[in-house]
Protein backbone atom coordinates (compact mmCIF):
# COMPACT_ATOMS: atom_id res chain seq x y z
CA MET A 1 -13.54 -56.28 -80.80
CA THR A 2 -14.30 -52.60 -81.10
CA PRO A 3 -14.74 -51.22 -77.58
CA PHE A 4 -18.04 -49.72 -76.42
CA VAL A 5 -20.06 -51.00 -79.40
CA MET A 6 -22.62 -53.49 -78.18
CA THR A 7 -23.61 -54.75 -81.62
CA MET A 8 -20.18 -56.32 -82.23
CA ARG A 9 -19.49 -59.91 -81.19
CA ALA A 10 -16.15 -61.25 -80.01
CA GLY A 11 -14.43 -63.14 -82.82
CA TRP A 12 -16.91 -61.91 -85.45
CA MET A 13 -15.51 -61.12 -88.90
CA PRO A 14 -17.27 -60.95 -92.30
CA ALA A 15 -16.21 -63.78 -94.64
CA ALA A 16 -15.09 -61.36 -97.34
CA VAL A 17 -12.81 -59.57 -94.90
CA ALA A 18 -11.35 -62.86 -93.71
CA LEU A 19 -10.63 -63.92 -97.29
CA ALA A 20 -8.98 -60.59 -98.08
CA LEU A 21 -6.77 -60.83 -95.03
CA ALA A 22 -5.72 -64.32 -96.04
CA CYS A 23 -4.46 -62.94 -99.34
CA VAL A 24 -2.31 -60.14 -97.86
CA PRO A 25 1.29 -60.57 -99.05
CA ALA A 26 3.73 -61.81 -96.44
CA ALA A 27 5.79 -58.60 -96.49
CA ALA A 28 2.74 -56.46 -95.87
CA SER A 29 1.69 -58.84 -93.13
CA ALA A 30 5.08 -58.57 -91.44
CA GLN A 31 4.96 -54.79 -91.71
CA ALA A 32 1.51 -54.79 -90.13
CA GLN A 33 2.80 -57.00 -87.34
CA ARG A 34 5.70 -54.62 -86.61
CA ALA A 35 3.27 -51.69 -86.57
CA ALA A 36 1.01 -53.58 -84.17
CA GLU A 37 3.96 -54.37 -81.90
CA ALA A 38 4.96 -50.70 -81.87
CA GLN A 39 1.39 -49.77 -81.02
CA ASP A 40 1.33 -52.31 -78.20
CA ALA A 41 4.51 -50.84 -76.74
CA ARG A 42 2.94 -47.42 -76.28
CA PRO A 43 1.79 -46.60 -72.75
CA LEU A 44 -1.93 -46.94 -72.16
CA ASN A 45 -3.98 -43.81 -71.54
CA ILE A 46 -6.42 -43.55 -68.66
CA LEU A 47 -9.83 -41.91 -68.82
CA PHE A 48 -10.96 -41.59 -65.21
CA ILE A 49 -14.70 -40.86 -64.92
CA VAL A 50 -16.14 -40.08 -61.49
CA SER A 51 -19.79 -39.31 -60.82
CA ASP A 52 -21.16 -37.54 -57.76
CA ASP A 53 -23.69 -39.37 -55.54
CA LEU A 54 -24.30 -42.21 -58.00
CA GLY A 55 -25.60 -45.43 -56.54
CA ASN A 56 -26.23 -48.63 -58.48
CA GLN A 57 -29.22 -47.20 -60.32
CA GLN A 58 -28.31 -48.25 -63.86
CA GLY A 59 -29.67 -50.80 -66.28
CA THR A 60 -26.50 -52.89 -66.13
CA TYR A 61 -26.97 -53.21 -62.36
CA GLY A 62 -30.53 -54.43 -62.74
CA ASN A 63 -32.61 -51.24 -62.53
CA ARG A 64 -35.47 -51.66 -64.98
CA VAL A 65 -36.69 -48.05 -64.84
CA VAL A 66 -33.55 -45.94 -65.30
CA ARG A 67 -32.24 -45.57 -68.85
CA THR A 68 -28.44 -45.66 -68.98
CA PRO A 69 -27.48 -47.05 -72.40
CA ASN A 70 -23.96 -45.60 -72.37
CA ILE A 71 -22.93 -46.81 -68.93
CA ASP A 72 -24.47 -50.14 -69.90
CA ARG A 73 -22.38 -50.37 -73.08
CA LEU A 74 -19.23 -49.58 -71.13
CA ALA A 75 -20.11 -52.47 -68.80
CA THR A 76 -20.61 -54.72 -71.82
CA ALA A 77 -17.15 -53.84 -73.13
CA GLY A 78 -15.36 -53.95 -69.78
CA VAL A 79 -15.63 -55.61 -66.38
CA ARG A 80 -18.51 -54.67 -64.09
CA PHE A 81 -17.92 -55.00 -60.36
CA ASP A 82 -21.20 -55.89 -58.69
CA ARG A 83 -20.01 -55.38 -55.10
CA ALA A 84 -17.73 -52.35 -55.02
CA TYR A 85 -17.68 -50.41 -51.75
CA VAL A 86 -16.54 -46.95 -50.72
CA GLN A 87 -14.40 -46.51 -47.64
CA TYR A 88 -16.53 -43.60 -46.43
CA PRO A 89 -19.99 -42.82 -47.86
CA TRP A 90 -19.47 -39.08 -48.14
CA CYS A 91 -17.83 -37.16 -50.96
CA GLY A 92 -14.78 -35.59 -49.30
CA PRO A 93 -13.40 -38.51 -47.27
CA SER A 94 -14.23 -40.98 -50.05
CA ARG A 95 -12.37 -39.04 -52.74
CA ALA A 96 -9.38 -38.34 -50.52
CA SER A 97 -9.13 -42.06 -49.77
CA LEU A 98 -9.37 -43.41 -53.32
CA MET A 99 -7.10 -40.73 -54.80
CA THR A 100 -4.32 -41.41 -52.28
CA GLY A 101 -4.80 -45.14 -51.78
CA ARG A 102 -5.17 -44.67 -48.01
CA ARG A 103 -8.00 -45.48 -45.67
CA PRO A 104 -9.88 -42.64 -43.95
CA ASP A 105 -8.36 -43.69 -40.62
CA THR A 106 -4.86 -43.33 -42.06
CA LEU A 107 -5.64 -39.89 -43.46
CA ASN A 108 -7.71 -38.93 -40.42
CA ILE A 109 -10.18 -37.27 -42.77
CA PHE A 110 -13.86 -37.59 -41.86
CA ASN A 111 -15.14 -34.20 -43.05
CA LEU A 112 -15.46 -32.00 -46.14
CA THR A 113 -12.88 -29.39 -45.15
CA THR A 114 -9.56 -31.14 -44.45
CA HIS A 115 -7.08 -31.52 -47.32
CA PHE A 116 -5.03 -34.70 -47.25
CA ARG A 117 -1.77 -32.76 -47.68
CA GLU A 118 -2.42 -31.21 -44.28
CA VAL A 119 -1.96 -34.72 -42.93
CA ILE A 120 0.66 -36.22 -45.31
CA PRO A 121 2.24 -33.32 -47.22
CA ASP A 122 4.40 -35.37 -49.60
CA ILE A 123 1.88 -38.11 -50.42
CA VAL A 124 1.81 -39.25 -54.06
CA THR A 125 -1.68 -39.17 -55.52
CA LEU A 126 -3.02 -41.49 -58.19
CA PRO A 127 -2.53 -39.04 -61.08
CA GLN A 128 0.93 -38.16 -59.78
CA ILE A 129 2.04 -41.75 -60.37
CA PHE A 130 1.52 -41.08 -64.06
CA LYS A 131 2.64 -37.46 -64.09
CA ARG A 132 6.04 -38.57 -62.77
CA GLN A 133 6.36 -40.93 -65.75
CA GLY A 134 5.76 -38.22 -68.33
CA TYR A 135 2.02 -38.60 -68.76
CA PHE A 136 -0.11 -35.54 -69.31
CA THR A 137 -2.46 -35.31 -66.33
CA GLY A 138 -5.61 -33.22 -66.58
CA ARG A 139 -8.78 -32.66 -64.61
CA VAL A 140 -12.13 -31.18 -65.57
CA GLY A 141 -14.81 -30.66 -62.91
CA LYS A 142 -15.10 -32.32 -59.50
CA VAL A 143 -12.44 -34.97 -58.85
CA TYR A 144 -11.21 -34.04 -55.39
CA HIS A 145 -13.94 -32.69 -53.13
CA ALA A 146 -15.84 -29.55 -54.01
CA GLY A 147 -19.15 -28.54 -52.45
CA VAL A 148 -22.30 -28.80 -54.54
CA PRO A 149 -23.87 -26.48 -55.42
CA GLY A 150 -21.71 -23.82 -53.76
CA ASP A 151 -18.36 -24.77 -55.32
CA VAL A 152 -19.51 -25.42 -58.88
CA GLY A 153 -17.08 -23.53 -61.08
CA LYS A 154 -14.46 -23.43 -58.31
CA PRO A 155 -11.53 -25.75 -57.54
CA GLY A 156 -12.74 -26.71 -54.05
CA LEU A 157 -10.20 -28.97 -52.30
CA ASP A 158 -8.31 -29.63 -55.52
CA ASP A 159 -4.69 -30.78 -55.50
CA PRO A 160 -2.61 -28.72 -57.98
CA PRO A 161 0.44 -31.05 -57.79
CA SER A 162 -1.74 -33.78 -59.34
CA TRP A 163 -2.35 -31.99 -62.63
CA ASP A 164 -0.68 -30.40 -65.61
CA ALA A 165 -3.97 -28.68 -66.41
CA ALA A 166 -7.29 -28.24 -64.62
CA ALA A 167 -10.63 -26.68 -65.58
CA ASN A 168 -13.63 -25.68 -63.48
CA PRO A 169 -16.54 -25.11 -65.85
CA LYS A 170 -19.75 -23.52 -64.63
CA GLY A 171 -22.89 -23.92 -66.65
CA ILE A 172 -26.38 -22.51 -66.47
CA ASP A 173 -27.59 -24.87 -63.72
CA PRO A 174 -26.31 -22.84 -60.72
CA SER A 175 -28.28 -19.84 -61.98
CA GLU A 176 -31.41 -22.02 -62.09
CA GLU A 177 -31.30 -23.01 -58.42
CA ALA A 178 -33.85 -20.33 -57.51
CA LEU A 179 -36.33 -22.12 -59.79
CA VAL A 180 -36.21 -25.51 -58.12
CA THR A 181 -39.13 -27.24 -56.47
CA ASN A 182 -37.72 -27.70 -52.98
CA LEU A 183 -39.22 -30.69 -51.19
CA THR A 184 -37.09 -30.14 -48.06
CA PRO A 185 -37.00 -26.36 -47.58
CA LYS A 186 -35.64 -26.61 -44.03
CA ARG A 187 -32.48 -28.29 -45.30
CA PRO A 188 -29.57 -26.69 -47.21
CA LEU A 189 -29.97 -26.99 -50.97
CA GLY A 190 -26.93 -29.24 -51.22
CA SER A 191 -28.22 -31.60 -48.53
CA GLY A 192 -31.88 -31.94 -49.35
CA LEU A 193 -34.24 -32.90 -52.15
CA SER A 194 -35.10 -30.44 -54.90
CA TYR A 195 -35.46 -30.59 -58.67
CA TYR A 196 -35.87 -28.52 -61.82
CA ALA A 197 -36.51 -29.54 -65.43
CA SER A 198 -34.34 -27.04 -67.26
CA PRO A 199 -35.12 -25.75 -70.76
CA ALA A 200 -31.38 -25.35 -71.45
CA LYS A 201 -29.47 -27.76 -73.69
CA ASP A 202 -27.05 -30.39 -72.41
CA GLU A 203 -23.99 -28.39 -73.47
CA GLU A 204 -25.16 -25.37 -71.46
CA HIS A 205 -25.16 -27.31 -68.19
CA THR A 206 -22.02 -27.79 -66.12
CA ASP A 207 -21.77 -31.51 -66.82
CA GLY A 208 -22.23 -30.89 -70.53
CA MET A 209 -19.33 -28.46 -70.31
CA VAL A 210 -17.27 -31.03 -68.39
CA ALA A 211 -17.75 -33.51 -71.23
CA THR A 212 -16.89 -30.89 -73.86
CA ASP A 213 -13.71 -29.83 -72.06
CA VAL A 214 -12.60 -33.42 -71.50
CA ILE A 215 -13.10 -34.19 -75.19
CA THR A 216 -11.04 -31.13 -76.12
CA MET A 217 -8.32 -32.25 -73.72
CA MET A 218 -8.26 -35.74 -75.27
CA GLU A 219 -8.10 -34.25 -78.76
CA GLN A 220 -5.09 -32.19 -77.76
CA GLN A 221 -3.31 -35.08 -76.04
CA LYS A 222 -4.29 -38.06 -78.22
CA ASP A 223 -0.76 -38.61 -79.53
CA LYS A 224 0.87 -38.84 -76.10
CA PRO A 225 0.00 -40.84 -72.97
CA PHE A 226 -2.54 -39.16 -70.72
CA PHE A 227 -4.41 -39.49 -67.46
CA ILE A 228 -7.52 -37.36 -67.87
CA ALA A 229 -10.16 -37.17 -65.15
CA ALA A 230 -13.76 -36.24 -65.89
CA GLY A 231 -15.47 -35.11 -62.68
CA PHE A 232 -19.23 -34.96 -63.21
CA TYR A 233 -21.50 -33.21 -60.70
CA ARG A 234 -24.66 -35.16 -61.35
CA PRO A 235 -26.70 -36.79 -60.06
CA HIS A 236 -25.82 -34.80 -56.89
CA HIS A 237 -28.73 -32.69 -55.68
CA PRO A 238 -30.26 -30.31 -56.54
CA PHE A 239 -31.56 -32.45 -59.38
CA ILE A 240 -31.25 -29.96 -62.24
CA ALA A 241 -31.14 -31.51 -65.69
CA PRO A 242 -32.49 -30.72 -69.17
CA LYS A 243 -36.22 -31.24 -69.44
CA LYS A 244 -35.92 -34.03 -72.00
CA TYR A 245 -34.50 -36.30 -69.31
CA PHE A 246 -37.40 -35.60 -66.97
CA ASP A 247 -39.75 -36.39 -69.88
CA MET A 248 -38.23 -39.88 -70.02
CA TYR A 249 -39.83 -40.62 -66.62
CA PRO A 250 -43.57 -39.91 -66.32
CA ILE A 251 -44.32 -39.55 -62.64
CA ASP A 252 -46.88 -42.36 -62.78
CA ALA A 253 -44.13 -44.73 -63.93
CA ILE A 254 -41.96 -44.02 -60.88
CA PRO A 255 -42.46 -46.71 -58.22
CA ALA A 256 -42.88 -45.63 -54.62
CA PRO A 257 -39.70 -45.99 -52.53
CA ASP A 258 -39.21 -49.32 -50.83
CA PHE A 259 -39.91 -48.90 -47.11
CA PRO A 260 -41.90 -51.81 -45.64
CA ALA A 261 -43.67 -51.46 -42.32
CA GLY A 262 -41.53 -52.44 -39.36
CA ASP A 263 -38.31 -52.16 -41.36
CA LEU A 264 -36.52 -50.13 -38.68
CA ASP A 265 -37.74 -52.04 -35.63
CA ASP A 266 -34.46 -53.97 -35.30
CA VAL A 267 -32.10 -51.20 -36.50
CA PRO A 268 -29.93 -49.27 -34.00
CA PRO A 269 -30.78 -45.53 -33.97
CA ALA A 270 -27.15 -44.71 -34.81
CA ALA A 271 -27.54 -46.49 -38.15
CA LEU A 272 -30.01 -43.88 -39.39
CA TRP A 273 -29.12 -40.59 -41.03
CA THR A 274 -32.51 -39.40 -42.29
CA ARG A 275 -34.66 -38.43 -39.32
CA PRO A 276 -37.59 -38.66 -39.25
CA ALA A 277 -37.85 -41.40 -41.85
CA ASN A 278 -38.25 -39.90 -45.33
CA TRP A 279 -38.09 -36.46 -43.68
CA GLY A 280 -41.88 -36.68 -43.44
CA LEU A 281 -42.36 -36.46 -47.23
CA SER A 282 -45.53 -37.87 -48.75
CA VAL A 283 -45.21 -40.83 -51.10
CA GLN A 284 -45.97 -38.52 -54.03
CA GLU A 285 -43.16 -36.15 -52.99
CA GLN A 286 -40.79 -39.08 -52.66
CA ARG A 287 -41.65 -40.16 -56.20
CA GLU A 288 -40.97 -36.64 -57.45
CA ALA A 289 -37.53 -36.76 -55.83
CA VAL A 290 -36.81 -40.15 -57.39
CA ARG A 291 -37.87 -38.81 -60.78
CA GLY A 292 -35.45 -35.90 -60.45
CA TYR A 293 -32.66 -38.27 -59.51
CA TYR A 294 -33.38 -40.61 -62.42
CA ALA A 295 -33.44 -37.67 -64.84
CA SER A 296 -30.05 -36.56 -63.52
CA VAL A 297 -28.65 -40.08 -63.91
CA SER A 298 -29.77 -40.25 -67.54
CA PHE A 299 -28.28 -36.80 -68.18
CA LEU A 300 -25.00 -38.02 -66.71
CA ASP A 301 -25.20 -41.14 -68.86
CA ALA A 302 -25.51 -39.05 -72.01
CA GLN A 303 -22.30 -37.19 -71.15
CA VAL A 304 -20.49 -40.47 -70.53
CA GLY A 305 -21.65 -41.53 -73.98
CA ARG A 306 -20.06 -38.44 -75.50
CA LEU A 307 -16.72 -39.39 -73.95
CA LEU A 308 -16.92 -42.97 -75.21
CA ASP A 309 -17.84 -41.77 -78.69
CA ALA A 310 -14.87 -39.39 -78.65
CA LEU A 311 -12.49 -42.24 -77.84
CA GLN A 312 -13.78 -44.08 -80.89
CA ARG A 313 -13.61 -41.03 -83.14
CA LEU A 314 -10.05 -40.27 -82.06
CA LYS A 315 -9.11 -43.93 -82.62
CA ILE A 316 -7.65 -44.30 -79.14
CA ALA A 317 -10.28 -46.55 -77.55
CA ASP A 318 -8.08 -49.63 -77.98
CA ARG A 319 -5.23 -48.03 -76.01
CA THR A 320 -7.21 -46.28 -73.29
CA ILE A 321 -8.18 -47.70 -69.92
CA VAL A 322 -11.60 -46.39 -68.90
CA VAL A 323 -12.70 -46.46 -65.29
CA PHE A 324 -16.17 -45.31 -64.24
CA PHE A 325 -17.46 -45.17 -60.67
CA GLY A 326 -19.51 -43.27 -58.09
CA ASP A 327 -17.86 -41.54 -55.13
CA ASN A 328 -20.55 -42.85 -52.76
CA GLY A 329 -23.91 -44.53 -53.07
CA TYR A 330 -27.31 -42.88 -52.77
CA ALA A 331 -30.43 -43.97 -50.91
CA LEU A 332 -33.82 -43.26 -52.47
CA GLY A 333 -36.12 -43.95 -49.54
CA GLU A 334 -34.92 -47.46 -48.72
CA HIS A 335 -35.17 -47.87 -44.93
CA GLY A 336 -36.69 -44.37 -44.98
CA GLN A 337 -33.21 -43.01 -45.77
CA TRP A 338 -32.09 -40.51 -48.42
CA LEU A 339 -28.71 -39.40 -49.74
CA LYS A 340 -25.69 -41.13 -48.15
CA GLN A 341 -23.85 -41.42 -44.79
CA THR A 342 -25.24 -44.79 -43.76
CA MET A 343 -23.77 -48.27 -43.81
CA PHE A 344 -26.69 -49.73 -45.73
CA GLU A 345 -25.94 -51.13 -49.19
CA GLU A 346 -27.62 -48.23 -50.97
CA SER A 347 -25.15 -45.78 -49.44
CA ALA A 348 -21.92 -47.80 -49.21
CA ARG A 349 -22.05 -49.72 -52.50
CA VAL A 350 -21.30 -48.00 -55.81
CA PRO A 351 -21.03 -48.78 -59.50
CA LEU A 352 -17.51 -49.60 -60.68
CA ILE A 353 -16.71 -50.48 -64.28
CA ILE A 354 -13.21 -50.90 -65.68
CA TYR A 355 -12.40 -51.34 -69.35
CA ALA A 356 -8.79 -52.37 -69.93
CA PRO A 357 -8.02 -53.08 -73.60
CA LYS A 358 -6.35 -56.46 -73.03
CA ALA A 359 -8.19 -57.68 -69.94
CA LYS A 360 -9.23 -61.29 -70.46
CA GLY A 361 -12.38 -60.82 -68.41
CA ASN A 362 -13.90 -58.02 -70.47
CA GLY A 363 -17.64 -58.43 -70.85
CA LYS A 364 -18.04 -60.35 -67.60
CA PRO A 365 -19.13 -59.29 -64.09
CA VAL A 366 -17.21 -59.70 -60.83
CA ALA A 367 -19.24 -60.89 -57.85
CA SER A 368 -16.45 -60.53 -55.26
CA ALA A 369 -16.43 -57.59 -52.85
CA VAL A 370 -13.83 -54.94 -53.71
CA GLU A 371 -12.98 -51.44 -52.47
CA LEU A 372 -12.53 -48.12 -54.28
CA LEU A 373 -9.23 -48.01 -52.43
CA ASP A 374 -8.13 -50.71 -54.88
CA LEU A 375 -8.20 -48.34 -57.85
CA TYR A 376 -4.84 -46.85 -56.86
CA PRO A 377 -2.72 -49.99 -57.38
CA THR A 378 -5.00 -51.36 -60.11
CA LEU A 379 -4.59 -48.47 -62.54
CA ALA A 380 -0.86 -48.31 -61.87
CA GLU A 381 -0.44 -51.99 -62.73
CA LEU A 382 -2.69 -51.85 -65.80
CA ALA A 383 -0.61 -49.02 -67.24
CA GLY A 384 2.71 -50.69 -66.38
CA GLN A 385 3.54 -48.24 -63.60
CA VAL A 386 4.73 -48.92 -60.06
CA ALA A 387 2.57 -47.52 -57.26
CA PRO A 388 4.62 -45.94 -54.45
CA ALA A 389 4.75 -47.84 -51.18
CA GLY A 390 2.17 -47.15 -48.52
CA TYR A 391 -1.08 -47.76 -50.38
CA GLU A 392 -3.61 -49.93 -48.55
CA GLY A 393 -5.66 -51.45 -51.35
CA VAL A 394 -4.84 -54.34 -53.67
CA SER A 395 -4.67 -54.53 -57.44
CA LEU A 396 -7.82 -55.83 -59.10
CA VAL A 397 -5.94 -56.94 -62.24
CA PRO A 398 -6.32 -60.65 -61.32
CA LEU A 399 -10.12 -60.16 -61.27
CA LEU A 400 -10.02 -58.21 -64.55
CA ASN A 401 -8.41 -61.25 -66.16
CA ASP A 402 -10.49 -63.85 -64.33
CA PRO A 403 -13.71 -62.40 -62.89
CA THR A 404 -14.74 -65.72 -61.33
CA ARG A 405 -11.51 -66.43 -59.45
CA GLU A 406 -11.57 -66.89 -55.70
CA TRP A 407 -10.95 -63.54 -54.03
CA GLY A 408 -11.88 -63.82 -50.37
CA ARG A 409 -10.97 -60.27 -49.40
CA PRO A 410 -13.35 -58.25 -47.22
CA ALA A 411 -14.43 -54.67 -47.94
CA PHE A 412 -14.43 -52.09 -45.14
CA SER A 413 -16.46 -48.89 -44.81
CA GLN A 414 -16.89 -46.38 -42.00
CA VAL A 415 -18.83 -43.23 -41.13
CA THR A 416 -18.96 -40.90 -38.14
CA ARG A 417 -21.87 -39.81 -35.99
CA GLY A 418 -22.07 -36.94 -33.51
CA GLY A 419 -19.68 -34.02 -33.23
CA GLY A 420 -21.92 -31.28 -34.54
CA GLY A 421 -21.75 -32.00 -38.30
CA PRO A 422 -24.65 -32.77 -40.67
CA ALA A 423 -24.77 -36.37 -39.49
CA ALA A 424 -25.03 -35.15 -35.91
CA ALA A 425 -27.93 -32.90 -36.79
CA ALA A 426 -29.73 -35.93 -38.10
CA PHE A 427 -28.80 -38.21 -35.23
CA THR A 428 -27.98 -36.51 -31.93
CA GLY A 429 -27.81 -32.79 -32.56
CA GLY A 430 -24.20 -32.85 -31.35
CA GLY A 431 -22.28 -34.67 -28.67
CA GLU A 432 -18.98 -36.51 -28.82
CA PRO A 433 -18.35 -38.09 -32.23
CA PHE A 434 -18.21 -41.85 -32.59
CA MET A 435 -17.58 -44.18 -35.50
CA GLY A 436 -19.68 -46.69 -37.31
CA ARG A 437 -17.63 -49.44 -38.96
CA SER A 438 -18.81 -52.06 -41.41
CA VAL A 439 -17.30 -55.05 -43.17
CA VAL A 440 -18.62 -57.05 -46.12
CA SER A 441 -17.23 -60.57 -46.27
CA GLY A 442 -18.74 -63.36 -48.30
CA LYS A 443 -22.50 -63.20 -47.90
CA TRP A 444 -22.37 -61.10 -44.73
CA ARG A 445 -22.43 -57.42 -43.85
CA TYR A 446 -21.57 -56.75 -40.22
CA THR A 447 -21.67 -53.22 -38.73
CA GLU A 448 -20.81 -51.86 -35.29
CA TRP A 449 -21.69 -48.45 -33.96
CA ASP A 450 -19.23 -47.09 -31.40
CA ASP A 451 -17.57 -50.52 -31.11
CA ALA A 452 -21.04 -52.05 -30.69
CA LYS A 453 -21.80 -49.97 -27.59
CA ARG A 454 -24.56 -48.25 -29.61
CA GLY A 455 -25.69 -51.32 -31.49
CA ALA A 456 -24.66 -53.75 -34.19
CA GLU A 457 -26.12 -55.10 -37.42
CA LEU A 458 -25.71 -58.39 -39.27
CA TYR A 459 -27.29 -59.06 -42.65
CA ASP A 460 -27.21 -62.18 -44.81
CA HIS A 461 -27.01 -60.80 -48.36
CA ASP A 462 -27.83 -64.17 -49.91
CA ALA A 463 -31.13 -64.51 -48.08
CA ASP A 464 -31.77 -60.82 -47.40
CA PRO A 465 -30.20 -58.54 -50.05
CA ARG A 466 -32.43 -55.61 -48.97
CA GLU A 467 -31.05 -55.79 -45.42
CA LEU A 468 -34.44 -55.99 -43.76
CA HIS A 469 -33.61 -58.51 -41.02
CA ASN A 470 -30.89 -57.66 -38.50
CA LEU A 471 -29.44 -60.94 -37.19
CA ALA A 472 -26.83 -59.44 -34.87
CA THR A 473 -28.59 -60.54 -31.67
CA ASP A 474 -29.79 -63.90 -33.02
CA PRO A 475 -28.06 -66.67 -31.00
CA ALA A 476 -28.02 -68.84 -34.12
CA HIS A 477 -25.54 -66.42 -35.69
CA ALA A 478 -23.34 -65.74 -32.66
CA ALA A 479 -20.36 -67.54 -34.22
CA SER A 480 -20.60 -65.46 -37.39
CA VAL A 481 -20.77 -62.28 -35.33
CA GLU A 482 -17.59 -63.20 -33.45
CA THR A 483 -15.75 -64.02 -36.68
CA LEU A 484 -16.81 -60.77 -38.32
CA LYS A 485 -16.11 -58.77 -35.18
CA ALA A 486 -12.50 -60.01 -35.23
CA LEU A 487 -12.25 -59.22 -38.96
CA LEU A 488 -13.53 -55.69 -38.34
CA ARG A 489 -10.84 -55.13 -35.69
CA LYS A 490 -8.18 -56.52 -38.00
CA GLY A 491 -9.26 -54.18 -40.79
CA ARG A 492 -8.20 -51.02 -38.97
CA PRO A 493 -4.82 -49.50 -39.92
């Protein structure tokens, strides 16, 4: 089946083509078989696509407003993970964790300024696994942490040993920041809600340039094995995207954010990052913010489509592993919260789609909980490489071949509060830092703040997928709390 083309059906072949193939002489058939075997022996490429601040707001994940035809077609071709979780819902710690295969506690990275090589100087990163085996490794845009918007066009906390080549494009969008409608003027531009419908074309924006540079890199490396990372900046705020994507979402078609009365009555204060709820924005202002986010998501989707089309044009789609994911989730007013840095589903859960050419589960979803930490050993195994010892995730290859198999592994996430950072400004204004830790196991999410000294949360995702009813203090669920509490302790390095 041709990858990334939704109109094809597995096993479909025109009758005339089948008849012609049946008449191919035996010698030609044997020659074709030898050519196919030689092709199969070639190492698989990896196209590694990371988006910035992308939650599960795509059509393939059930959103009926957002238009994401290209991400959706990738999910149709590959395996969609419906419950993939970050280890830390903030760009820097999340990316450091998934790129090294270590948990944030192991790296001791809970901020946007510490480089992992300050902690473990000789650690082998995910792309280095492949670089050491003769792969070309290249990066375009934001893969390791870089501040947005301030570091657009700069390397940020990049890791030069990971790459043979790296590019930091800078489009027109940073120069348009003075034109944004800023809904939260008291907050920094990179940590608030603002938007601008740009008259510039896709290719003039930074993410358009990222796609162009990645395509050029693939063109140059198509005849040798490669690990190429496309680091897109959208839909990270400020929501600047070409106007045509805003036009896809008339403001009257944007539903008001989901924040029912009394939602926070049973939630510990430490669980909240946005204070006051919705930062005091009117419902109309919230809808404007959602519109800007959706426009940015559709702009991102178009760039992903360009990469998928390039794989087809270069005739390397059938020997390229494609992985697409978000570095952390993104709240759009659920529980009165925005952005990330909470343990709610909207912040901790992300899209994850993997297309592996020979995976038996392609075209099917995985319902089991997995971690972004698992990408490290998964991509190594898929490409026939050996991941160095010390990684803390597990390979997802068994799920790629059998999406319905019993998995039973929990997923752990954590986030800090206090200590004077942005989260502290939202919660305490300072004070000694403490940790929030969460585990997803089966139908449950259980979260403790400061080892439960500042509250706990328990949600039944089967009965309460929106996490509206905290059951942590319900005597009927005391046994589940004790089981999950022990699992949370066990999950620490």
